[in-house]
Full PDB file with SEQRES, HELIX, SHEET, SSBOND, CRYST1, ORIGX, SCALE, CONECT and MASTER records, all heavy atoms in Angstrom:
SEQRES   1 A   39  GLY LYS TYR MET PRO SER LEU VAL ALA GLU ILE GLY ASP          
SEQRES   2 A   39  ALA ILE GLU SER HIS MET ARG MET ILE GLY LEU ILE LYS          
SEQRES   3 A   39  ASP ASP GLY LEU ASP GLU HIS GLN ARG ARG LEU VAL GLU          
HELIX    1 AA1 LEU A    7  ILE A   22  1                                  16    
HELIX    2 AA2 GLU A   32  VAL A   38  1                                   7    
CRYST1    1.000    1.000    1.000  90.00  90.00  90.00 P 1           1          
ORIGX1      1.000000  0.000000  0.000000        0.00000                         
ORIGX2      0.000000  1.000000  0.000000        0.00000                         
ORIGX3      0.000000  0.000000  1.000000        0.00000                         
SCALE1      1.000000  0.000000  0.000000        0.00000                         
SCALE2      0.000000  1.000000  0.000000        0.00000                         
SCALE3      0.000000  0.000000  1.000000        0.00000                         
ATOM      1  N   GLY A   1      -2.604   2.125  12.290  1.00  0.00           N  
ATOM      2  CA  GLY A   1      -4.085   1.805  12.297  1.00  0.00           C  
ATOM      3  C   GLY A   1      -4.465   0.751  11.225  1.00  0.00           C  
ATOM      4  O   GLY A   1      -5.598   0.514  11.042  1.00  0.00           O  
ATOM      5  N   LYS A   2      -3.424   0.136  10.552  1.00  0.00           N  
ATOM      6  CA  LYS A   2      -3.732  -0.822   9.471  1.00  0.00           C  
ATOM      7  C   LYS A   2      -3.942  -2.236  10.164  1.00  0.00           C  
ATOM      8  O   LYS A   2      -3.118  -2.698  10.923  1.00  0.00           O  
ATOM      9  CB  LYS A   2      -2.613  -0.913   8.497  1.00  0.00           C  
ATOM     10  CG  LYS A   2      -3.040  -1.686   7.216  1.00  0.00           C  
ATOM     11  CD  LYS A   2      -1.948  -1.530   6.156  1.00  0.00           C  
ATOM     12  CE  LYS A   2      -2.399  -2.182   4.874  1.00  0.00           C  
ATOM     13  NZ  LYS A   2      -1.369  -2.068   3.815  1.00  0.00           N  
ATOM     14  N   TYR A   3      -5.054  -2.828   9.679  1.00  0.00           N  
ATOM     15  CA  TYR A   3      -5.456  -4.191  10.303  1.00  0.00           C  
ATOM     16  C   TYR A   3      -4.736  -5.264   9.582  1.00  0.00           C  
ATOM     17  O   TYR A   3      -4.686  -5.316   8.331  1.00  0.00           O  
ATOM     18  CB  TYR A   3      -6.926  -4.326  10.232  1.00  0.00           C  
ATOM     19  CG  TYR A   3      -7.456  -5.675  10.725  1.00  0.00           C  
ATOM     20  CD1 TYR A   3      -7.376  -5.910  12.150  1.00  0.00           C  
ATOM     21  CD2 TYR A   3      -7.927  -6.698   9.939  1.00  0.00           C  
ATOM     22  CE1 TYR A   3      -7.801  -7.123  12.695  1.00  0.00           C  
ATOM     23  CE2 TYR A   3      -8.292  -7.935  10.460  1.00  0.00           C  
ATOM     24  CZ  TYR A   3      -8.312  -8.094  11.756  1.00  0.00           C  
ATOM     25  OH  TYR A   3      -8.726  -9.353  12.280  1.00  0.00           O  
ATOM     26  N   MET A   4      -4.122  -6.146  10.403  1.00  0.00           N  
ATOM     27  CA  MET A   4      -3.475  -7.369   9.860  1.00  0.00           C  
ATOM     28  C   MET A   4      -4.210  -8.566  10.335  1.00  0.00           C  
ATOM     29  O   MET A   4      -4.232  -8.856  11.584  1.00  0.00           O  
ATOM     30  CB  MET A   4      -2.080  -7.475  10.275  1.00  0.00           C  
ATOM     31  CG  MET A   4      -1.124  -6.383   9.648  1.00  0.00           C  
ATOM     32  SD  MET A   4      -0.892  -6.738   7.856  1.00  0.00           S  
ATOM     33  CE  MET A   4      -1.512  -5.289   7.143  1.00  0.00           C  
ATOM     34  N   PRO A   5      -4.842  -9.370   9.470  1.00  0.00           N  
ATOM     35  CA  PRO A   5      -5.690 -10.544   9.886  1.00  0.00           C  
ATOM     36  C   PRO A   5      -4.841 -11.659  10.389  1.00  0.00           C  
ATOM     37  O   PRO A   5      -5.345 -12.512  11.057  1.00  0.00           O  
ATOM     38  CB  PRO A   5      -6.426 -10.888   8.667  1.00  0.00           C  
ATOM     39  CG  PRO A   5      -5.687 -10.365   7.546  1.00  0.00           C  
ATOM     40  CD  PRO A   5      -5.038  -9.085   7.993  1.00  0.00           C  
ATOM     41  N   SER A   6      -3.515 -11.693  10.071  1.00  0.00           N  
ATOM     42  CA  SER A   6      -2.643 -12.808  10.525  1.00  0.00           C  
ATOM     43  C   SER A   6      -1.187 -12.323  10.281  1.00  0.00           C  
ATOM     44  O   SER A   6      -0.915 -11.344   9.689  1.00  0.00           O  
ATOM     45  CB  SER A   6      -2.943 -14.029   9.780  1.00  0.00           C  
ATOM     46  OG  SER A   6      -2.660 -13.879   8.382  1.00  0.00           O  
ATOM     47  N   LEU A   7      -0.322 -13.162  10.832  1.00  0.00           N  
ATOM     48  CA  LEU A   7       1.134 -12.983  10.610  1.00  0.00           C  
ATOM     49  C   LEU A   7       1.483 -13.173   9.126  1.00  0.00           C  
ATOM     50  O   LEU A   7       2.343 -12.514   8.535  1.00  0.00           O  
ATOM     51  CB  LEU A   7       1.988 -13.877  11.494  1.00  0.00           C  
ATOM     52  CG  LEU A   7       3.453 -13.736  11.453  1.00  0.00           C  
ATOM     53  CD1 LEU A   7       3.939 -12.351  11.792  1.00  0.00           C  
ATOM     54  CD2 LEU A   7       4.123 -14.751  12.356  1.00  0.00           C  
ATOM     55  N   VAL A   8       0.891 -14.155   8.516  1.00  0.00           N  
ATOM     56  CA  VAL A   8       1.133 -14.399   7.067  1.00  0.00           C  
ATOM     57  C   VAL A   8       0.710 -13.162   6.253  1.00  0.00           C  
ATOM     58  O   VAL A   8       1.376 -12.821   5.327  1.00  0.00           O  
ATOM     59  CB  VAL A   8       0.294 -15.655   6.654  1.00  0.00           C  
ATOM     60  CG1 VAL A   8       0.498 -15.894   5.137  1.00  0.00           C  
ATOM     61  CG2 VAL A   8       0.867 -16.920   7.362  1.00  0.00           C  
ATOM     62  N   ALA A   9      -0.409 -12.607   6.659  1.00  0.00           N  
ATOM     63  CA  ALA A   9      -0.855 -11.399   5.892  1.00  0.00           C  
ATOM     64  C   ALA A   9       0.108 -10.244   6.007  1.00  0.00           C  
ATOM     65  O   ALA A   9       0.384  -9.467   5.061  1.00  0.00           O  
ATOM     66  CB  ALA A   9      -2.207 -10.933   6.516  1.00  0.00           C  
ATOM     67  N   GLU A  10       0.783 -10.065   7.185  1.00  0.00           N  
ATOM     68  CA  GLU A  10       1.791  -8.960   7.343  1.00  0.00           C  
ATOM     69  C   GLU A  10       2.967  -9.361   6.520  1.00  0.00           C  
ATOM     70  O   GLU A  10       3.633  -8.346   5.978  1.00  0.00           O  
ATOM     71  CB  GLU A  10       2.108  -8.772   8.803  1.00  0.00           C  
ATOM     72  CG  GLU A  10       3.070  -7.562   9.016  1.00  0.00           C  
ATOM     73  CD  GLU A  10       2.981  -7.052  10.420  1.00  0.00           C  
ATOM     74  OE1 GLU A  10       2.400  -7.661  11.297  1.00  0.00           O  
ATOM     75  OE2 GLU A  10       3.639  -5.963  10.628  1.00  0.00           O  
ATOM     76  N   ILE A  11       3.408 -10.554   6.398  1.00  0.00           N  
ATOM     77  CA  ILE A  11       4.558 -10.921   5.458  1.00  0.00           C  
ATOM     78  C   ILE A  11       4.075 -10.537   4.099  1.00  0.00           C  
ATOM     79  O   ILE A  11       4.859 -10.028   3.338  1.00  0.00           O  
ATOM     80  CB  ILE A  11       4.869 -12.438   5.586  1.00  0.00           C  
ATOM     81  CG1 ILE A  11       5.309 -12.779   7.085  1.00  0.00           C  
ATOM     82  CG2 ILE A  11       5.840 -12.870   4.595  1.00  0.00           C  
ATOM     83  CD1 ILE A  11       5.627 -14.168   7.326  1.00  0.00           C  
ATOM     84  N   GLY A  12       2.895 -10.885   3.766  1.00  0.00           N  
ATOM     85  CA  GLY A  12       2.425 -10.487   2.368  1.00  0.00           C  
ATOM     86  C   GLY A  12       2.399  -8.993   2.189  1.00  0.00           C  
ATOM     87  O   GLY A  12       2.724  -8.462   1.053  1.00  0.00           O  
ATOM     88  N   ASP A  13       2.131  -8.282   3.220  1.00  0.00           N  
ATOM     89  CA  ASP A  13       2.158  -6.749   3.161  1.00  0.00           C  
ATOM     90  C   ASP A  13       3.550  -6.239   2.884  1.00  0.00           C  
ATOM     91  O   ASP A  13       3.796  -5.300   2.190  1.00  0.00           O  
ATOM     92  CB  ASP A  13       1.555  -6.098   4.470  1.00  0.00           C  
ATOM     93  CG  ASP A  13       1.320  -4.681   4.388  1.00  0.00           C  
ATOM     94  OD1 ASP A  13       0.487  -4.195   3.566  1.00  0.00           O  
ATOM     95  OD2 ASP A  13       2.020  -3.874   5.155  1.00  0.00           O  
ATOM     96  N   ALA A  14       4.565  -6.916   3.591  1.00  0.00           N  
ATOM     97  CA  ALA A  14       5.992  -6.634   3.312  1.00  0.00           C  
ATOM     98  C   ALA A  14       6.328  -6.872   1.933  1.00  0.00           C  
ATOM     99  O   ALA A  14       7.093  -6.034   1.323  1.00  0.00           O  
ATOM    100  CB  ALA A  14       6.879  -7.366   4.322  1.00  0.00           C  
ATOM    101  N   ILE A  15       5.892  -7.956   1.390  1.00  0.00           N  
ATOM    102  CA  ILE A  15       6.201  -8.327  -0.002  1.00  0.00           C  
ATOM    103  C   ILE A  15       5.612  -7.293  -1.041  1.00  0.00           C  
ATOM    104  O   ILE A  15       6.225  -6.931  -1.984  1.00  0.00           O  
ATOM    105  CB  ILE A  15       5.691  -9.694  -0.295  1.00  0.00           C  
ATOM    106  CG1 ILE A  15       6.557 -10.775   0.527  1.00  0.00           C  
ATOM    107  CG2 ILE A  15       5.868  -9.968  -1.862  1.00  0.00           C  
ATOM    108  CD1 ILE A  15       6.022 -12.153   0.238  1.00  0.00           C  
ATOM    109  N   GLU A  16       4.326  -6.842  -0.699  1.00  0.00           N  
ATOM    110  CA  GLU A  16       3.707  -5.867  -1.496  1.00  0.00           C  
ATOM    111  C   GLU A  16       4.558  -4.517  -1.406  1.00  0.00           C  
ATOM    112  O   GLU A  16       4.737  -3.920  -2.536  1.00  0.00           O  
ATOM    113  CB  GLU A  16       2.325  -5.541  -1.014  1.00  0.00           C  
ATOM    114  CG  GLU A  16       1.624  -4.498  -1.821  1.00  0.00           C  
ATOM    115  CD  GLU A  16       0.183  -4.163  -1.346  1.00  0.00           C  
ATOM    116  OE1 GLU A  16      -0.003  -4.508  -0.192  1.00  0.00           O  
ATOM    117  OE2 GLU A  16      -0.532  -3.490  -2.007  1.00  0.00           O  
ATOM    118  N   SER A  17       5.035  -4.113  -0.302  1.00  0.00           N  
ATOM    119  CA  SER A  17       5.820  -2.884  -0.130  1.00  0.00           C  
ATOM    120  C   SER A  17       6.985  -2.978  -1.062  1.00  0.00           C  
ATOM    121  O   SER A  17       7.465  -2.047  -1.689  1.00  0.00           O  
ATOM    122  CB  SER A  17       6.152  -2.583   1.231  1.00  0.00           C  
ATOM    123  OG  SER A  17       5.057  -2.475   2.031  1.00  0.00           O  
ATOM    124  N   HIS A  18       7.709  -4.176  -1.020  1.00  0.00           N  
ATOM    125  CA  HIS A  18       8.905  -4.337  -1.774  1.00  0.00           C  
ATOM    126  C   HIS A  18       8.583  -4.327  -3.289  1.00  0.00           C  
ATOM    127  O   HIS A  18       9.378  -3.709  -4.019  1.00  0.00           O  
ATOM    128  CB  HIS A  18       9.528  -5.732  -1.440  1.00  0.00           C  
ATOM    129  CG  HIS A  18      10.888  -5.979  -2.036  1.00  0.00           C  
ATOM    130  ND1 HIS A  18      11.972  -5.275  -1.604  1.00  0.00           N  
ATOM    131  CD2 HIS A  18      11.164  -6.716  -3.132  1.00  0.00           C  
ATOM    132  CE1 HIS A  18      13.036  -5.715  -2.395  1.00  0.00           C  
ATOM    133  NE2 HIS A  18      12.577  -6.534  -3.348  1.00  0.00           N  
ATOM    134  N   MET A  19       7.481  -5.038  -3.735  1.00  0.00           N  
ATOM    135  CA  MET A  19       7.119  -4.978  -5.115  1.00  0.00           C  
ATOM    136  C   MET A  19       6.805  -3.565  -5.592  1.00  0.00           C  
ATOM    137  O   MET A  19       7.062  -3.241  -6.690  1.00  0.00           O  
ATOM    138  CB  MET A  19       5.962  -5.978  -5.373  1.00  0.00           C  
ATOM    139  CG  MET A  19       6.354  -7.433  -5.229  1.00  0.00           C  
ATOM    140  SD  MET A  19       4.928  -8.527  -5.604  1.00  0.00           S  
ATOM    141  CE  MET A  19       5.737 -10.088  -5.543  1.00  0.00           C  
ATOM    142  N   ARG A  20       6.276  -2.802  -4.770  1.00  0.00           N  
ATOM    143  CA  ARG A  20       5.959  -1.333  -5.161  1.00  0.00           C  
ATOM    144  C   ARG A  20       7.272  -0.594  -5.281  1.00  0.00           C  
ATOM    145  O   ARG A  20       7.400   0.293  -6.104  1.00  0.00           O  
ATOM    146  CB  ARG A  20       4.990  -0.801  -4.129  1.00  0.00           C  
ATOM    147  CG  ARG A  20       3.570  -1.233  -4.156  1.00  0.00           C  
ATOM    148  CD  ARG A  20       2.689  -0.438  -3.193  1.00  0.00           C  
ATOM    149  NE  ARG A  20       1.365  -0.973  -3.155  1.00  0.00           N  
ATOM    150  CZ  ARG A  20       0.447  -0.708  -4.100  1.00  0.00           C  
ATOM    151  NH1 ARG A  20       0.804   0.237  -5.138  1.00  0.00           N  
ATOM    152  NH2 ARG A  20      -0.800  -1.144  -4.068  1.00  0.00           N  
ATOM    153  N   MET A  21       8.196  -0.886  -4.454  1.00  0.00           N  
ATOM    154  CA  MET A  21       9.461  -0.190  -4.420  1.00  0.00           C  
ATOM    155  C   MET A  21      10.227  -0.476  -5.745  1.00  0.00           C  
ATOM    156  O   MET A  21      10.856   0.464  -6.312  1.00  0.00           O  
ATOM    157  CB  MET A  21      10.348  -0.591  -3.236  1.00  0.00           C  
ATOM    158  CG  MET A  21      11.691   0.191  -3.144  1.00  0.00           C  
ATOM    159  SD  MET A  21      12.849  -0.519  -1.977  1.00  0.00           S  
ATOM    160  CE  MET A  21      13.202  -2.047  -2.724  1.00  0.00           C  
ATOM    161  N   ILE A  22      10.242  -1.686  -6.223  1.00  0.00           N  
ATOM    162  CA  ILE A  22      11.002  -2.058  -7.442  1.00  0.00           C  
ATOM    163  C   ILE A  22      10.194  -1.786  -8.626  1.00  0.00           C  
ATOM    164  O   ILE A  22      10.642  -2.030  -9.835  1.00  0.00           O  
ATOM    165  CB  ILE A  22      11.507  -3.553  -7.426  1.00  0.00           C  
ATOM    166  CG1 ILE A  22      10.349  -4.479  -7.339  1.00  0.00           C  
ATOM    167  CG2 ILE A  22      12.457  -3.714  -6.125  1.00  0.00           C  
ATOM    168  CD1 ILE A  22      10.753  -6.002  -7.398  1.00  0.00           C  
ATOM    169  N   GLY A  23       8.914  -1.398  -8.539  1.00  0.00           N  
ATOM    170  CA  GLY A  23       8.165  -1.041  -9.763  1.00  0.00           C  
ATOM    171  C   GLY A  23       7.262  -2.216 -10.226  1.00  0.00           C  
ATOM    172  O   GLY A  23       6.668  -2.065 -11.275  1.00  0.00           O  
ATOM    173  N   LEU A  24       7.302  -3.417  -9.606  1.00  0.00           N  
ATOM    174  CA  LEU A  24       6.529  -4.582 -10.057  1.00  0.00           C  
ATOM    175  C   LEU A  24       5.013  -4.331  -9.857  1.00  0.00           C  
ATOM    176  O   LEU A  24       4.247  -4.796 -10.678  1.00  0.00           O  
ATOM    177  CB  LEU A  24       7.009  -5.767  -9.393  1.00  0.00           C  
ATOM    178  CG  LEU A  24       6.486  -7.154  -9.912  1.00  0.00           C  
ATOM    179  CD1 LEU A  24       6.952  -7.284 -11.389  1.00  0.00           C  
ATOM    180  CD2 LEU A  24       7.031  -8.292  -9.106  1.00  0.00           C  
ATOM    181  N   ILE A  25       4.668  -3.620  -8.784  1.00  0.00           N  
ATOM    182  CA  ILE A  25       3.301  -3.200  -8.585  1.00  0.00           C  
ATOM    183  C   ILE A  25       3.203  -1.611  -8.684  1.00  0.00           C  
ATOM    184  O   ILE A  25       4.106  -0.967  -7.972  1.00  0.00           O  
ATOM    185  CB  ILE A  25       2.733  -3.631  -7.238  1.00  0.00           C  
ATOM    186  CG1 ILE A  25       2.718  -5.143  -7.186  1.00  0.00           C  
ATOM    187  CG2 ILE A  25       1.386  -3.080  -6.950  1.00  0.00           C  
ATOM    188  CD1 ILE A  25       2.204  -5.663  -5.808  1.00  0.00           C  
ATOM    189  N   LYS A  26       2.403  -1.174  -9.504  1.00  0.00           N  
ATOM    190  CA  LYS A  26       2.281   0.298  -9.737  1.00  0.00           C  
ATOM    191  C   LYS A  26       1.465   0.928  -8.623  1.00  0.00           C  
ATOM    192  O   LYS A  26       0.524   0.250  -8.124  1.00  0.00           O  
ATOM    193  CB  LYS A  26       1.571   0.628 -11.095  1.00  0.00           C  
ATOM    194  CG  LYS A  26       2.359   0.042 -12.243  1.00  0.00           C  
ATOM    195  CD  LYS A  26       3.792   0.550 -12.316  1.00  0.00           C  
ATOM    196  CE  LYS A  26       4.462   0.022 -13.541  1.00  0.00           C  
ATOM    197  NZ  LYS A  26       5.860   0.428 -13.645  1.00  0.00           N  
ATOM    198  N   ASP A  27       1.887   1.989  -8.089  1.00  0.00           N  
ATOM    199  CA  ASP A  27       1.233   2.729  -6.988  1.00  0.00           C  
ATOM    200  C   ASP A  27       0.029   3.294  -7.487  1.00  0.00           C  
ATOM    201  O   ASP A  27      -0.070   4.293  -8.300  1.00  0.00           O  
ATOM    202  CB  ASP A  27       2.197   3.684  -6.347  1.00  0.00           C  
ATOM    203  CG  ASP A  27       1.634   4.327  -5.050  1.00  0.00           C  
ATOM    204  OD1 ASP A  27       0.563   3.755  -4.553  1.00  0.00           O  
ATOM    205  OD2 ASP A  27       2.186   5.230  -4.509  1.00  0.00           O  
ATOM    206  N   ASP A  28      -1.168   2.747  -7.051  1.00  0.00           N  
ATOM    207  CA  ASP A  28      -2.521   3.304  -7.376  1.00  0.00           C  
ATOM    208  C   ASP A  28      -3.166   4.138  -6.309  1.00  0.00           C  
ATOM    209  O   ASP A  28      -4.341   4.024  -6.066  1.00  0.00           O  
ATOM    210  CB  ASP A  28      -3.454   2.128  -7.857  1.00  0.00           C  
ATOM    211  CG  ASP A  28      -3.551   1.128  -6.799  1.00  0.00           C  
ATOM    212  OD1 ASP A  28      -2.836   1.266  -5.740  1.00  0.00           O  
ATOM    213  OD2 ASP A  28      -4.450   0.217  -6.874  1.00  0.00           O  
ATOM    214  N   GLY A  29      -2.308   4.976  -5.642  1.00  0.00           N  
ATOM    215  CA  GLY A  29      -2.807   5.715  -4.602  1.00  0.00           C  
ATOM    216  C   GLY A  29      -3.636   6.864  -5.013  1.00  0.00           C  
ATOM    217  O   GLY A  29      -4.029   7.035  -6.177  1.00  0.00           O  
ATOM    218  N   LEU A  30      -3.889   7.787  -4.101  1.00  0.00           N  
ATOM    219  CA  LEU A  30      -4.842   8.967  -4.408  1.00  0.00           C  
ATOM    220  C   LEU A  30      -4.041   9.984  -5.285  1.00  0.00           C  
ATOM    221  O   LEU A  30      -2.811  10.207  -5.169  1.00  0.00           O  
ATOM    222  CB  LEU A  30      -5.131   9.598  -3.097  1.00  0.00           C  
ATOM    223  CG  LEU A  30      -5.959   8.787  -2.076  1.00  0.00           C  
ATOM    224  CD1 LEU A  30      -6.212   9.620  -0.790  1.00  0.00           C  
ATOM    225  CD2 LEU A  30      -7.257   8.257  -2.646  1.00  0.00           C  
ATOM    226  N   ASP A  31      -4.807  10.540  -6.204  1.00  0.00           N  
ATOM    227  CA  ASP A  31      -4.188  11.599  -6.985  1.00  0.00           C  
ATOM    228  C   ASP A  31      -4.244  12.916  -6.201  1.00  0.00           C  
ATOM    229  O   ASP A  31      -4.755  12.937  -5.061  1.00  0.00           O  
ATOM    230  CB  ASP A  31      -4.908  11.741  -8.327  1.00  0.00           C  
ATOM    231  CG  ASP A  31      -6.468  11.982  -8.144  1.00  0.00           C  
ATOM    232  OD1 ASP A  31      -6.838  12.558  -7.128  1.00  0.00           O  
ATOM    233  OD2 ASP A  31      -7.128  11.581  -9.080  1.00  0.00           O  
ATOM    234  N   GLU A  32      -3.764  13.976  -6.794  1.00  0.00           N  
ATOM    235  CA  GLU A  32      -3.660  15.243  -5.961  1.00  0.00           C  
ATOM    236  C   GLU A  32      -4.973  15.843  -5.638  1.00  0.00           C  
ATOM    237  O   GLU A  32      -5.181  16.305  -4.484  1.00  0.00           O  
ATOM    238  CB  GLU A  32      -2.921  16.292  -6.870  1.00  0.00           C  
ATOM    239  CG  GLU A  32      -2.656  17.642  -6.237  1.00  0.00           C  
ATOM    240  CD  GLU A  32      -1.950  18.619  -7.108  1.00  0.00           C  
ATOM    241  OE1 GLU A  32      -1.577  18.183  -8.168  1.00  0.00           O  
ATOM    242  OE2 GLU A  32      -1.793  19.771  -6.706  1.00  0.00           O  
ATOM    243  N   HIS A  33      -6.056  15.671  -6.490  1.00  0.00           N  
ATOM    244  CA  HIS A  33      -7.387  16.150  -6.171  1.00  0.00           C  
ATOM    245  C   HIS A  33      -8.007  15.350  -4.957  1.00  0.00           C  
ATOM    246  O   HIS A  33      -8.522  15.908  -4.070  1.00  0.00           O  
ATOM    247  CB  HIS A  33      -8.243  16.101  -7.442  1.00  0.00           C  
ATOM    248  CG  HIS A  33      -9.698  16.403  -7.143  1.00  0.00           C  
ATOM    249  ND1 HIS A  33     -10.122  17.730  -6.838  1.00  0.00           N  
ATOM    250  CD2 HIS A  33     -10.806  15.616  -7.066  1.00  0.00           C  
ATOM    251  CE1 HIS A  33     -11.369  17.720  -6.708  1.00  0.00           C  
ATOM    252  NE2 HIS A  33     -11.873  16.502  -6.771  1.00  0.00           N  
ATOM    253  N   GLN A  34      -7.781  14.050  -5.072  1.00  0.00           N  
ATOM    254  CA  GLN A  34      -8.375  13.194  -4.027  1.00  0.00           C  
ATOM    255  C   GLN A  34      -7.688  13.418  -2.748  1.00  0.00           C  
ATOM    256  O   GLN A  34      -8.372  13.479  -1.643  1.00  0.00           O  
ATOM    257  CB  GLN A  34      -8.269  11.684  -4.414  1.00  0.00           C  
ATOM    258  CG  GLN A  34      -9.182  11.316  -5.625  1.00  0.00           C  
ATOM    259  CD  GLN A  34      -8.965   9.932  -6.048  1.00  0.00           C  
ATOM    260  OE1 GLN A  34      -7.844   9.434  -6.046  1.00  0.00           O  
ATOM    261  NE2 GLN A  34     -10.074   9.235  -6.499  1.00  0.00           N  
ATOM    262  N   ARG A  35      -6.342  13.622  -2.795  1.00  0.00           N  
ATOM    263  CA  ARG A  35      -5.606  13.795  -1.507  1.00  0.00           C  
ATOM    264  C   ARG A  35      -5.992  15.132  -0.878  1.00  0.00           C  
ATOM    265  O   ARG A  35      -6.150  15.248   0.345  1.00  0.00           O  
ATOM    266  CB  ARG A  35      -4.141  13.696  -1.823  1.00  0.00           C  
ATOM    267  CG  ARG A  35      -3.236  13.854  -0.609  1.00  0.00           C  
ATOM    268  CD  ARG A  35      -1.812  13.422  -0.983  1.00  0.00           C  
ATOM    269  NE  ARG A  35      -1.285  14.059  -2.073  1.00  0.00           N  
ATOM    270  CZ  ARG A  35      -1.050  13.381  -3.216  1.00  0.00           C  
ATOM    271  NH1 ARG A  35      -1.405  12.166  -3.362  1.00  0.00           N  
ATOM    272  NH2 ARG A  35      -0.544  14.144  -4.265  1.00  0.00           N  
ATOM    273  N   ARG A  36      -6.185  16.102  -1.687  1.00  0.00           N  
ATOM    274  CA  ARG A  36      -6.580  17.467  -1.126  1.00  0.00           C  
ATOM    275  C   ARG A  36      -8.024  17.371  -0.513  1.00  0.00           C  
ATOM    276  O   ARG A  36      -8.246  17.941   0.543  1.00  0.00           O  
ATOM    277  CB  ARG A  36      -6.543  18.496  -2.258  1.00  0.00           C  
ATOM    278  CG  ARG A  36      -6.833  19.896  -1.774  1.00  0.00           C  
ATOM    279  CD  ARG A  36      -6.502  20.927  -2.764  1.00  0.00           C  
ATOM    280  NE  ARG A  36      -7.246  20.758  -4.053  1.00  0.00           N  
ATOM    281  CZ  ARG A  36      -6.663  20.302  -5.146  1.00  0.00           C  
ATOM    282  NH1 ARG A  36      -5.356  20.054  -5.210  1.00  0.00           N  
ATOM    283  NH2 ARG A  36      -7.392  20.210  -6.187  1.00  0.00           N  
ATOM    284  N   LEU A  37      -8.868  16.573  -1.202  1.00  0.00           N  
ATOM    285  CA  LEU A  37     -10.290  16.509  -0.625  1.00  0.00           C  
ATOM    286  C   LEU A  37     -10.274  15.732   0.657  1.00  0.00           C  
ATOM    287  O   LEU A  37     -10.946  16.046   1.600  1.00  0.00           O  
ATOM    288  CB  LEU A  37     -11.081  15.692  -1.672  1.00  0.00           C  
ATOM    289  CG  LEU A  37     -12.517  15.398  -1.290  1.00  0.00           C  
ATOM    290  CD1 LEU A  37     -13.301  16.772  -1.126  1.00  0.00           C  
ATOM    291  CD2 LEU A  37     -13.233  14.566  -2.348  1.00  0.00           C  
ATOM    292  N   VAL A  38      -9.463  14.630   0.770  1.00  0.00           N  
ATOM    293  CA  VAL A  38      -9.496  13.886   2.008  1.00  0.00           C  
ATOM    294  C   VAL A  38      -8.792  14.746   3.143  1.00  0.00           C  
ATOM    295  O   VAL A  38      -9.294  14.734   4.259  1.00  0.00           O  
ATOM    296  CB  VAL A  38      -8.525  12.661   1.848  1.00  0.00           C  
ATOM    297  CG1 VAL A  38      -8.261  11.946   3.104  1.00  0.00           C  
ATOM    298  CG2 VAL A  38      -9.238  11.578   0.927  1.00  0.00           C  
ATOM    299  N   GLU A  39      -7.820  15.529   2.829  1.00  0.00           N  
ATOM    300  CA  GLU A  39      -7.186  16.402   3.895  1.00  0.00           C  
ATOM    301  C   GLU A  39      -8.255  17.415   4.347  1.00  0.00           C  
ATOM    302  O   GLU A  39      -8.287  17.842   5.540  1.00  0.00           O  
ATOM    303  CB  GLU A  39      -5.977  17.109   3.271  1.00  0.00           C  
ATOM    304  CG  GLU A  39      -4.806  16.223   3.088  1.00  0.00           C  
ATOM    305  CD  GLU A  39      -3.615  16.894   2.413  1.00  0.00           C  
ATOM    306  OE1 GLU A  39      -3.819  18.060   2.104  1.00  0.00           O  
ATOM    307  OE2 GLU A  39      -2.573  16.250   2.315  1.00  0.00           O  
TER     308      GLU A  39                                                      
MASTER        0    0    0    2    0    0    0    6  307    1    0    3          
END                                                                             
């Protein structure tokens, strides 16, 4: 369900996933309280 405005944007999304994997971009996702609230 994630929207991609272009093919270039999806390549950028792949680069972001890789940078998160190697620790170059810190994961700023939901904490435990926020995740429980969303569920």
